[in-house]
Amino acid sequence: MKRYLIPLLVFILMLGFLAAGLKLNPREVPSPLIDKPAPDFRLPTLAVPGQYISAQDLRGKVWMLNVWASWCVACRVEHPVLVDFAKTGAVPIYGLNYKDKREDAIRWLGNFGNPYLHSLSDTEGLVGIDFGVYGVPETFVIDGQGVIRLKHIGPVTPEALRDTILPLIGRLRG
């Protein structure tokens, strides 16, 4: 009887961990980069491959970085929200085109609109990795000192803009 007790207890313990894990929201995974300096980067823009933008170029202003790709279905869901938000001029939005072909990305922006002040080309995904991206879309809010203040996983919704992103931008602008 005792030889069955230990495996049974281990099984019950594993079921408890599984049950607890199923209750977690993957969009609430905290990023270790929150309140840390944004990774340094220097990438070409999609529009003009010979034009580069670096993290240093963006210092001194609050800005959003939206990680997207033409092959991303969820990006298509959030894109109209970003296009409308960009029209408000509340904050400059920079795109990070992640593991995509330049031609596909340019065509996608032409078809669906371009909310980005500039979209940066990260064809190898290395800058995305530095930002801790594990899926697209993901959106970051970065303050004037270059510190990441928010990581939003998944499509940006009007509710996320209203309830989380815009209030944070307002506080960061002081």
C-alpha atoms as a PDB file:
ATOM      1  CA  MET A   1       0.000   0.000   0.000  1.00  0.00           C
ATOM      2  CA  LYS A   2       2.807   2.419   0.882  1.00  0.00           C
ATOM      3  CA  ARG A   3       4.426   2.008  -2.522  1.00  0.00           C
ATOM      4  CA  TYR A   4       1.311   3.519  -4.160  1.00  0.00           C
ATOM      5  CA  LEU A   5       1.009   6.406  -1.706  1.00  0.00           C
ATOM      6  CA  ILE A   6       4.063   8.409  -2.878  1.00  0.00           C
ATOM      7  CA  PRO A   7       3.178   8.281  -6.632  1.00  0.00           C
ATOM      8  CA  LEU A   8      -0.406   9.195  -5.746  1.00  0.00           C
ATOM      9  CA  LEU A   9       0.726  12.193  -3.705  1.00  0.00           C
ATOM     10  CA  VAL A  10       3.068  13.327  -6.494  1.00  0.00           C
ATOM     11  CA  PHE A  11       0.222  12.987  -8.997  1.00  0.00           C
ATOM     12  CA  ILE A  12      -2.140  15.030  -6.810  1.00  0.00           C
ATOM     13  CA  LEU A  13       0.534  17.708  -6.343  1.00  0.00           C
ATOM     14  CA  MET A  14       1.071  17.895 -10.111  1.00  0.00           C
ATOM     15  CA  LEU A  15      -2.689  18.224 -10.668  1.00  0.00           C
ATOM     16  CA  GLY A  16      -2.697  21.128  -8.198  1.00  0.00           C
ATOM     17  CA  PHE A  17       0.077  22.920 -10.117  1.00  0.00           C
ATOM     18  CA  LEU A  18      -1.735  22.301 -13.403  1.00  0.00           C
ATOM     19  CA  ALA A  19      -5.006  23.664 -12.022  1.00  0.00           C
ATOM     20  CA  ALA A  20      -3.242  26.784 -10.709  1.00  0.00           C
ATOM     21  CA  GLY A  21      -1.458  27.302 -14.040  1.00  0.00           C
ATOM     22  CA  LEU A  22      -4.664  27.062 -16.022  1.00  0.00           C
ATOM     23  CA  LYS A  23      -6.057  30.003 -14.071  1.00  0.00           C
ATOM     24  CA  LEU A  24      -3.169  32.296 -15.100  1.00  0.00           C
ATOM     25  CA  ASN A  25      -3.573  34.824 -17.900  1.00  0.00           C
ATOM     26  CA  PRO A  26      -0.591  34.664 -20.314  1.00  0.00           C
ATOM     27  CA  ARG A  27      -1.093  38.353 -21.123  1.00  0.00           C
ATOM     28  CA  GLU A  28      -0.260  39.185 -17.527  1.00  0.00           C
ATOM     29  CA  VAL A  29       3.210  37.672 -17.631  1.00  0.00           C
ATOM     30  CA  PRO A  30       5.397  40.376 -16.147  1.00  0.00           C
ATOM     31  CA  SER A  31       8.336  41.429 -18.262  1.00  0.00           C
ATOM     32  CA  PRO A  32      11.712  41.577 -16.534  1.00  0.00           C
ATOM     33  CA  LEU A  33      12.421  44.668 -18.663  1.00  0.00           C
ATOM     34  CA  ILE A  34       9.749  46.845 -17.019  1.00  0.00           C
ATOM     35  CA  ASP A  35      11.454  49.832 -15.370  1.00  0.00           C
ATOM     36  CA  LYS A  36      14.738  48.929 -17.092  1.00  0.00           C
ATOM     37  CA  PRO A  37      16.412  50.753 -19.997  1.00  0.00           C
ATOM     38  CA  ALA A  38      15.144  49.699 -23.407  1.00  0.00           C
ATOM     39  CA  PRO A  39      17.649  47.564 -25.299  1.00  0.00           C
ATOM     40  CA  ASP A  40      19.985  49.488 -27.535  1.00  0.00           C
ATOM     41  CA  PHE A  41      19.315  49.084 -31.244  1.00  0.00           C
ATOM     42  CA  ARG A  42      20.066  50.594 -34.630  1.00  0.00           C
ATOM     43  CA  LEU A  43      17.817  49.382 -37.435  1.00  0.00           C
ATOM     44  CA  PRO A  44      16.959  50.404 -40.994  1.00  0.00           C
ATOM     45  CA  THR A  45      13.512  51.794 -41.695  1.00  0.00           C
ATOM     46  CA  LEU A  46      11.188  49.872 -43.986  1.00  0.00           C
ATOM     47  CA  ALA A  47      10.519  52.898 -46.151  1.00  0.00           C
ATOM     48  CA  VAL A  48      14.165  53.839 -46.713  1.00  0.00           C
ATOM     49  CA  PRO A  49      16.529  50.921 -46.005  1.00  0.00           C
ATOM     50  CA  GLY A  50      19.535  53.256 -45.959  1.00  0.00           C
ATOM     51  CA  GLN A  51      17.975  55.336 -43.161  1.00  0.00           C
ATOM     52  CA  TYR A  52      18.659  54.026 -39.661  1.00  0.00           C
ATOM     53  CA  ILE A  53      17.006  54.819 -36.355  1.00  0.00           C
ATOM     54  CA  SER A  54      18.545  53.989 -33.009  1.00  0.00           C
ATOM     55  CA  ALA A  55      17.296  53.934 -29.448  1.00  0.00           C
ATOM     56  CA  GLN A  56      19.412  57.046 -28.830  1.00  0.00           C
ATOM     57  CA  ASP A  57      17.491  58.927 -31.541  1.00  0.00           C
ATOM     58  CA  LEU A  58      14.283  58.453 -29.537  1.00  0.00           C
ATOM     59  CA  ARG A  59      15.571  59.729 -26.194  1.00  0.00           C
ATOM     60  CA  GLY A  60      13.790  62.705 -24.730  1.00  0.00           C
ATOM     61  CA  LYS A  61      10.270  61.716 -25.766  1.00  0.00           C
ATOM     62  CA  VAL A  62       7.633  59.240 -24.669  1.00  0.00           C
ATOM     63  CA  TRP A  63       6.970  56.765 -27.483  1.00  0.00           C
ATOM     64  CA  MET A  64       5.347  53.453 -28.297  1.00  0.00           C
ATOM     65  CA  LEU A  65       6.984  50.505 -29.990  1.00  0.00           C
ATOM     66  CA  ASN A  66       4.570  48.104 -31.656  1.00  0.00           C
ATOM     67  CA  VAL A  67       6.020  44.766 -32.758  1.00  0.00           C
ATOM     68  CA  TRP A  68       4.165  43.477 -35.815  1.00  0.00           C
ATOM     69  CA  ALA A  69       4.474  41.326 -38.935  1.00  0.00           C
ATOM     70  CA  SER A  70       2.559  40.913 -42.177  1.00  0.00           C
ATOM     71  CA  TRP A  71       2.136  37.189 -41.440  1.00  0.00           C
ATOM     72  CA  CYS A  72       0.557  37.887 -38.025  1.00  0.00           C
ATOM     73  CA  VAL A  73      -3.209  37.343 -37.896  1.00  0.00           C
ATOM     74  CA  ALA A  74      -3.618  39.111 -34.531  1.00  0.00           C
ATOM     75  CA  CYS A  75      -1.750  42.135 -35.938  1.00  0.00           C
ATOM     76  CA  ARG A  76      -4.528  42.514 -38.472  1.00  0.00           C
ATOM     77  CA  VAL A  77      -7.029  42.663 -35.600  1.00  0.00           C
ATOM     78  CA  GLU A  78      -5.183  45.432 -33.744  1.00  0.00           C
ATOM     79  CA  HIS A  79      -4.095  47.420 -36.788  1.00  0.00           C
ATOM     80  CA  PRO A  80      -7.265  49.541 -37.237  1.00  0.00           C
ATOM     81  CA  VAL A  81      -7.037  50.480 -33.554  1.00  0.00           C
ATOM     82  CA  LEU A  82      -3.447  51.666 -34.040  1.00  0.00           C
ATOM     83  CA  VAL A  83      -4.325  53.562 -37.224  1.00  0.00           C
ATOM     84  CA  ASP A  84      -7.093  55.436 -35.385  1.00  0.00           C
ATOM     85  CA  PHE A  85      -4.869  56.021 -32.352  1.00  0.00           C
ATOM     86  CA  ALA A  86      -2.043  57.410 -34.508  1.00  0.00           C
ATOM     87  CA  LYS A  87      -4.435  60.056 -35.855  1.00  0.00           C
ATOM     88  CA  THR A  88      -4.800  61.485 -32.331  1.00  0.00           C
ATOM     89  CA  GLY A  89      -1.093  62.352 -32.209  1.00  0.00           C
ATOM     90  CA  ALA A  90      -1.053  61.374 -28.532  1.00  0.00           C
ATOM     91  CA  VAL A  91       2.362  59.739 -28.834  1.00  0.00           C
ATOM     92  CA  PRO A  92       4.678  58.766 -31.688  1.00  0.00           C
ATOM     93  CA  ILE A  93       4.266  55.117 -32.629  1.00  0.00           C
ATOM     94  CA  TYR A  94       7.235  53.240 -34.045  1.00  0.00           C
ATOM     95  CA  GLY A  95       6.787  49.831 -35.592  1.00  0.00           C
ATOM     96  CA  LEU A  96       9.196  46.947 -35.234  1.00  0.00           C
ATOM     97  CA  ASN A  97       8.559  44.731 -38.241  1.00  0.00           C
ATOM     98  CA  TYR A  98       9.528  41.344 -36.833  1.00  0.00           C
ATOM     99  CA  LYS A  99      10.967  38.462 -38.887  1.00  0.00           C
ATOM    100  CA  ASP A 100       9.272  39.635 -42.042  1.00  0.00           C
ATOM    101  CA  LYS A 101      10.156  40.267 -45.673  1.00  0.00           C
ATOM    102  CA  ARG A 102      10.458  43.959 -46.490  1.00  0.00           C
ATOM    103  CA  GLU A 103       8.262  43.689 -49.586  1.00  0.00           C
ATOM    104  CA  ASP A 104       5.492  41.904 -47.675  1.00  0.00           C
ATOM    105  CA  ALA A 105       5.596  44.469 -44.873  1.00  0.00           C
ATOM    106  CA  ILE A 106       5.438  47.443 -47.241  1.00  0.00           C
ATOM    107  CA  ARG A 107       2.538  45.871 -49.140  1.00  0.00           C
ATOM    108  CA  TRP A 108       0.716  45.165 -45.845  1.00  0.00           C
ATOM    109  CA  LEU A 109       1.065  48.776 -44.682  1.00  0.00           C
ATOM    110  CA  GLY A 110      -0.113  49.965 -48.092  1.00  0.00           C
ATOM    111  CA  ASN A 111      -3.210  47.790 -47.846  1.00  0.00           C
ATOM    112  CA  PHE A 112      -4.146  48.466 -44.221  1.00  0.00           C
ATOM    113  CA  GLY A 113      -2.710  51.910 -43.463  1.00  0.00           C
ATOM    114  CA  ASN A 114       0.442  53.026 -41.722  1.00  0.00           C
ATOM    115  CA  PRO A 115       0.109  54.189 -38.108  1.00  0.00           C
ATOM    116  CA  TYR A 116       3.870  54.350 -37.602  1.00  0.00           C
ATOM    117  CA  LEU A 117       6.074  57.402 -37.649  1.00  0.00           C
ATOM    118  CA  HIS A 118       8.685  54.899 -38.830  1.00  0.00           C
ATOM    119  CA  SER A 119       8.647  51.146 -39.002  1.00  0.00           C
ATOM    120  CA  LEU A 120      11.971  49.490 -38.334  1.00  0.00           C
ATOM    121  CA  SER A 121      13.038  46.311 -40.083  1.00  0.00           C
ATOM    122  CA  ASP A 122      14.088  43.482 -37.746  1.00  0.00           C
ATOM    123  CA  THR A 123      14.322  40.691 -40.321  1.00  0.00           C
ATOM    124  CA  GLU A 124      16.418  38.424 -38.117  1.00  0.00           C
ATOM    125  CA  GLY A 125      14.352  39.109 -35.005  1.00  0.00           C
ATOM    126  CA  LEU A 126      17.395  39.981 -32.900  1.00  0.00           C
ATOM    127  CA  VAL A 127      16.061  43.284 -31.568  1.00  0.00           C
ATOM    128  CA  GLY A 128      12.765  41.560 -30.828  1.00  0.00           C
ATOM    129  CA  ILE A 129      14.654  38.994 -28.794  1.00  0.00           C
ATOM    130  CA  ASP A 130      16.429  41.794 -26.901  1.00  0.00           C
ATOM    131  CA  PHE A 131      12.995  43.220 -26.028  1.00  0.00           C
ATOM    132  CA  GLY A 132      11.824  39.797 -24.834  1.00  0.00           C
ATOM    133  CA  VAL A 133       9.293  39.365 -27.632  1.00  0.00           C
ATOM    134  CA  TYR A 134       7.899  35.860 -27.765  1.00  0.00           C
ATOM    135  CA  GLY A 135       4.965  36.536 -30.056  1.00  0.00           C
ATOM    136  CA  VAL A 136       3.466  39.302 -32.113  1.00  0.00           C
ATOM    137  CA  PRO A 137       1.860  41.677 -31.607  1.00  0.00           C
ATOM    138  CA  GLU A 138       3.453  43.151 -28.541  1.00  0.00           C
ATOM    139  CA  THR A 139       3.546  46.832 -27.642  1.00  0.00           C
ATOM    140  CA  PHE A 140       5.885  48.761 -25.371  1.00  0.00           C
ATOM    141  CA  VAL A 141       5.613  52.244 -23.880  1.00  0.00           C
ATOM    142  CA  ILE A 142       9.021  53.842 -23.371  1.00  0.00           C
ATOM    143  CA  ASP A 143       9.625  57.042 -21.430  1.00  0.00           C
ATOM    144  CA  GLY A 144      11.824  60.013 -22.291  1.00  0.00           C
ATOM    145  CA  GLN A 145      14.820  58.488 -20.505  1.00  0.00           C
ATOM    146  CA  GLY A 146      14.567  55.346 -22.615  1.00  0.00           C
ATOM    147  CA  VAL A 147      13.067  53.185 -19.856  1.00  0.00           C
ATOM    148  CA  ILE A 148      10.399  50.589 -20.658  1.00  0.00           C
ATOM    149  CA  ARG A 149       7.294  51.380 -18.607  1.00  0.00           C
ATOM    150  CA  LEU A 150       4.773  48.962 -20.122  1.00  0.00           C
ATOM    151  CA  LYS A 151       4.675  45.785 -22.142  1.00  0.00           C
ATOM    152  CA  HIS A 152       1.291  44.904 -23.625  1.00  0.00           C
ATOM    153  CA  ILE A 153       1.088  41.357 -24.945  1.00  0.00           C
ATOM    154  CA  GLY A 154      -1.385  40.665 -27.725  1.00  0.00           C
ATOM    155  CA  PRO A 155      -3.494  43.034 -29.783  1.00  0.00           C
ATOM    156  CA  VAL A 156      -3.953  46.564 -28.487  1.00  0.00           C
ATOM    157  CA  THR A 157      -7.666  47.162 -27.972  1.00  0.00           C
ATOM    158  CA  PRO A 158      -9.579  50.411 -27.497  1.00  0.00           C
ATOM    159  CA  GLU A 159     -10.052  49.365 -23.866  1.00  0.00           C
ATOM    160  CA  ALA A 160      -6.311  48.819 -23.356  1.00  0.00           C
ATOM    161  CA  LEU A 161      -5.640  52.256 -24.834  1.00  0.00           C
ATOM    162  CA  ARG A 162      -8.281  53.948 -22.672  1.00  0.00           C
ATOM    163  CA  ASP A 163      -7.651  52.095 -19.403  1.00  0.00           C
ATOM    164  CA  THR A 164      -3.900  51.458 -19.407  1.00  0.00           C
ATOM    165  CA  ILE A 165      -1.833  53.005 -22.190  1.00  0.00           C
ATOM    166  CA  LEU A 166      -3.211  56.557 -22.351  1.00  0.00           C
ATOM    167  CA  PRO A 167      -3.232  57.089 -18.559  1.00  0.00           C
ATOM    168  CA  LEU A 168       0.387  55.893 -18.422  1.00  0.00           C
ATOM    169  CA  ILE A 169       1.404  58.210 -21.266  1.00  0.00           C
ATOM    170  CA  GLY A 170      -0.272  61.094 -19.434  1.00  0.00           C
ATOM    171  CA  ARG A 171       1.667  60.328 -16.239  1.00  0.00           C
ATOM    172  CA  LEU A 172       4.962  59.979 -18.122  1.00  0.00           C
ATOM    173  CA  ARG A 173       4.488  63.319 -19.825  1.00  0.00           C
ATOM    174  CA  GLY A 174       3.755  64.818 -16.398  1.00  0.00           C
END
